[in-house]
Amino acid sequence: MGTQEENLTAPYPPPAAAAGNDKTTLWGVLGIVFAICCWPLGVLFAILGIMEARKYGKQPTLSYVAFGIIVLAFIVNIILFATNNMPGFKR
């Protein structure tokens, strides 16, 4: 009987964080989209995604993907420029 009383008076677990204001996914997806077409905005949204993820204790995976796409595009552009194959730009 003692265990039944203990179960009734056990404290409740802490409530889950409210996801209504969590914009981690939004910023991450916007970071990926803009990383493809407009890299400065991609960097901005990826940084916002990382900051939001830290605030809510989530993983900033989508923001890391956005940064990866930006770095990859930058490297490809350097290679294209160095080999004189950049579209719209001929030396």
Protein backbone atom coordinates (compact mmCIF):
# COMPACT_ATOMS: atom_id res chain seq x y z
CA MET A 1 0.00 0.00 0.00
CA GLY A 2 2.85 2.36 0.63
CA THR A 3 3.88 2.26 -3.02
CA GLN A 4 0.40 3.26 -4.20
CA GLU A 5 0.48 6.38 -2.03
CA GLU A 6 3.96 7.22 -3.33
CA ASN A 7 2.73 6.98 -6.92
CA LEU A 8 -0.11 9.38 -6.19
CA THR A 9 2.17 12.01 -4.72
CA ALA A 10 5.00 11.69 -7.25
CA PRO A 11 5.83 15.00 -8.94
CA TYR A 12 4.79 15.52 -12.53
CA PRO A 13 7.50 15.59 -15.20
CA PRO A 14 8.36 19.04 -16.54
CA PRO A 15 6.14 20.18 -19.42
CA ALA A 16 7.51 20.05 -22.94
CA ALA A 17 8.69 23.31 -24.47
CA ALA A 18 6.04 25.12 -26.46
CA ALA A 19 6.72 24.69 -30.16
CA GLY A 20 4.47 27.54 -31.24
CA ASN A 21 7.25 30.15 -31.36
CA ASP A 22 10.06 27.84 -32.47
CA LYS A 23 11.21 28.97 -35.92
CA THR A 24 14.28 26.74 -36.21
CA THR A 25 12.89 24.77 -39.13
CA LEU A 26 11.63 27.91 -40.88
CA TRP A 27 15.00 29.63 -40.72
CA GLY A 28 16.80 26.46 -41.77
CA VAL A 29 14.60 25.91 -44.83
CA LEU A 30 14.86 29.58 -45.82
CA GLY A 31 18.63 29.32 -45.38
CA ILE A 32 18.76 26.36 -47.78
CA VAL A 33 16.51 28.03 -50.38
CA PHE A 34 18.44 31.29 -50.32
CA ALA A 35 21.79 29.48 -50.22
CA ILE A 36 20.96 28.25 -53.72
CA CYS A 37 19.84 31.55 -55.24
CA CYS A 38 21.12 34.41 -53.03
CA TRP A 39 23.93 33.38 -50.69
CA PRO A 40 24.01 36.50 -48.44
CA LEU A 41 20.40 35.87 -47.42
CA GLY A 42 21.24 32.18 -47.04
CA VAL A 43 23.96 33.06 -44.54
CA LEU A 44 21.59 35.38 -42.67
CA PHE A 45 18.82 32.78 -42.36
CA ALA A 46 21.28 30.01 -41.46
CA ILE A 47 22.65 32.15 -38.62
CA LEU A 48 19.11 32.89 -37.45
CA GLY A 49 18.40 29.14 -37.53
CA ILE A 50 21.44 28.36 -35.39
CA MET A 51 20.54 31.07 -32.87
CA GLU A 52 16.93 29.84 -32.67
CA ALA A 53 18.07 26.23 -32.27
CA ARG A 54 20.34 27.17 -29.36
CA LYS A 55 17.50 29.10 -27.76
CA TYR A 56 15.14 26.09 -27.85
CA GLY A 57 17.76 23.36 -27.40
CA LYS A 58 17.23 21.81 -30.84
CA GLN A 59 19.67 20.60 -33.46
CA PRO A 60 20.51 23.21 -36.17
CA THR A 61 20.89 20.59 -38.89
CA LEU A 62 19.09 22.55 -41.63
CA SER A 63 21.25 25.59 -40.93
CA TYR A 64 24.37 23.46 -41.24
CA VAL A 65 23.07 22.14 -44.58
CA ALA A 66 22.57 25.74 -45.75
CA PHE A 67 26.16 26.61 -44.81
CA GLY A 68 27.37 23.49 -46.62
CA ILE A 69 25.53 24.48 -49.80
CA ILE A 70 26.96 28.00 -49.62
CA VAL A 71 30.53 26.71 -49.18
CA LEU A 72 30.10 24.17 -51.99
CA ALA A 73 28.72 26.84 -54.36
CA PHE A 74 31.58 29.16 -53.43
CA ILE A 75 34.18 26.49 -54.21
CA VAL A 76 32.49 25.64 -57.52
CA ASN A 77 32.46 29.33 -58.46
CA ILE A 78 36.18 29.65 -57.67
CA ILE A 79 36.93 26.62 -59.86
CA LEU A 80 34.76 27.95 -62.69
CA PHE A 81 36.40 31.36 -62.48
CA ALA A 82 39.92 29.89 -62.36
CA THR A 83 39.27 27.72 -65.43
CA ASN A 84 37.58 30.59 -67.31
CA ASN A 85 34.28 28.68 -67.51
CA MET A 86 32.17 31.07 -65.42
CA PRO A 87 28.86 31.65 -67.24
CA GLY A 88 28.51 35.28 -68.31
CA PHE A 89 32.13 36.13 -67.51
CA LYS A 90 34.97 35.68 -69.99
CA ARG A 91 38.45 37.13 -69.63
